[in-house]
Amino acid sequence: MSPHRERLVLVGLEAGPLSEWLHRSLAVDGIEVVLMETRQVHAAHSAMIVKSDRNDARGLA
């Protein structure tokens, strides 16, 4: 078991080829997962002024 497991409340995944497999595996471990549609995530991020990996992660959160 991961040392960070007890801190996880919700995991957000962008829909993609592996997302169904990840969703199923995390759900078996009791972790709540939300799948986000790729087009909606892209539209939201394109409106951001400052683009960085950190800001992308915050936007997804």
C-alpha atoms as a PDB file:
ATOM      1  CA  MET A   1       0.000   0.000   0.000  1.00  0.00           C
ATOM      2  CA  SER A   2       1.221   3.474  -0.862  1.00  0.00           C
ATOM      3  CA  PRO A   3       2.284   5.774   1.975  1.00  0.00           C
ATOM      4  CA  HIS A   4       0.093   8.494   0.413  1.00  0.00           C
ATOM      5  CA  ARG A   5      -3.050   6.353   0.251  1.00  0.00           C
ATOM      6  CA  GLU A   6      -4.640   7.698   3.424  1.00  0.00           C
ATOM      7  CA  ARG A   7      -4.278  11.286   2.140  1.00  0.00           C
ATOM      8  CA  LEU A   8      -6.174  10.600  -1.113  1.00  0.00           C
ATOM      9  CA  VAL A   9      -9.776  11.728  -1.087  1.00  0.00           C
ATOM     10  CA  LEU A  10     -10.561  12.074  -4.787  1.00  0.00           C
ATOM     11  CA  VAL A  11      -8.591  11.420  -7.979  1.00  0.00           C
ATOM     12  CA  GLY A  12      -9.330  13.260 -11.223  1.00  0.00           C
ATOM     13  CA  LEU A  13      -8.380  11.614 -14.510  1.00  0.00           C
ATOM     14  CA  GLU A  14      -8.581  13.008 -17.999  1.00  0.00           C
ATOM     15  CA  ALA A  15     -10.460  10.542 -20.207  1.00  0.00           C
ATOM     16  CA  GLY A  16      -8.081   8.565 -22.373  1.00  0.00           C
ATOM     17  CA  PRO A  17      -7.041   5.063 -23.438  1.00  0.00           C
ATOM     18  CA  LEU A  18      -5.972   3.947 -19.942  1.00  0.00           C
ATOM     19  CA  SER A  19      -8.513   5.874 -17.894  1.00  0.00           C
ATOM     20  CA  GLU A  20     -11.092   3.069 -17.762  1.00  0.00           C
ATOM     21  CA  TRP A  21      -8.476   0.615 -16.494  1.00  0.00           C
ATOM     22  CA  LEU A  22      -7.135   3.133 -13.938  1.00  0.00           C
ATOM     23  CA  HIS A  23     -10.659   4.016 -12.805  1.00  0.00           C
ATOM     24  CA  ARG A  24     -11.542   0.378 -12.220  1.00  0.00           C
ATOM     25  CA  SER A  25      -8.283  -0.398 -10.365  1.00  0.00           C
ATOM     26  CA  LEU A  26      -8.525   2.651  -8.098  1.00  0.00           C
ATOM     27  CA  ALA A  27     -12.204   1.981  -7.357  1.00  0.00           C
ATOM     28  CA  VAL A  28     -11.336  -1.558  -6.228  1.00  0.00           C
ATOM     29  CA  ASP A  29      -8.932   0.031  -3.722  1.00  0.00           C
ATOM     30  CA  GLY A  30     -11.739   2.271  -2.456  1.00  0.00           C
ATOM     31  CA  ILE A  31     -10.490   5.496  -4.070  1.00  0.00           C
ATOM     32  CA  GLU A  32     -13.135   7.786  -5.575  1.00  0.00           C
ATOM     33  CA  VAL A  33     -12.283   8.714  -9.177  1.00  0.00           C
ATOM     34  CA  VAL A  34     -13.736  11.353 -11.489  1.00  0.00           C
ATOM     35  CA  LEU A  35     -13.221  11.113 -15.251  1.00  0.00           C
ATOM     36  CA  MET A  36     -13.056  14.441 -17.079  1.00  0.00           C
ATOM     37  CA  GLU A  37     -13.836  14.822 -20.761  1.00  0.00           C
ATOM     38  CA  THR A  38     -10.741  15.776 -22.753  1.00  0.00           C
ATOM     39  CA  ARG A  39     -12.444  18.519 -24.787  1.00  0.00           C
ATOM     40  CA  GLN A  40     -13.852  20.221 -21.703  1.00  0.00           C
ATOM     41  CA  VAL A  41     -10.477  20.138 -19.935  1.00  0.00           C
ATOM     42  CA  HIS A  42      -8.768  21.545 -23.031  1.00  0.00           C
ATOM     43  CA  ALA A  43     -11.318  24.361 -23.334  1.00  0.00           C
ATOM     44  CA  ALA A  44     -10.882  25.303 -19.684  1.00  0.00           C
ATOM     45  CA  HIS A  45      -7.087  25.288 -19.923  1.00  0.00           C
ATOM     46  CA  SER A  46      -7.005  27.316 -23.127  1.00  0.00           C
ATOM     47  CA  ALA A  47      -8.600  30.189 -21.209  1.00  0.00           C
ATOM     48  CA  MET A  48      -5.726  30.264 -18.701  1.00  0.00           C
ATOM     49  CA  ILE A  49      -3.331  33.208 -19.045  1.00  0.00           C
ATOM     50  CA  VAL A  50      -0.216  31.620 -17.531  1.00  0.00           C
ATOM     51  CA  LYS A  51       0.421  28.104 -18.793  1.00  0.00           C
ATOM     52  CA  SER A  52       2.572  25.701 -16.773  1.00  0.00           C
ATOM     53  CA  ASP A  53       2.371  22.112 -15.547  1.00  0.00           C
ATOM     54  CA  ARG A  54       1.691  23.378 -12.029  1.00  0.00           C
ATOM     55  CA  ASN A  55      -1.204  25.569 -13.221  1.00  0.00           C
ATOM     56  CA  ASP A  56      -2.562  22.698 -15.318  1.00  0.00           C
ATOM     57  CA  ALA A  57      -2.576  20.463 -12.244  1.00  0.00           C
ATOM     58  CA  ARG A  58      -4.337  23.149 -10.218  1.00  0.00           C
ATOM     59  CA  GLY A  59      -6.888  23.591 -12.997  1.00  0.00           C
ATOM     60  CA  LEU A  60      -7.648  19.880 -13.038  1.00  0.00           C
ATOM     61  CA  ALA A  61      -7.937  19.826  -9.265  1.00  0.00           C
END
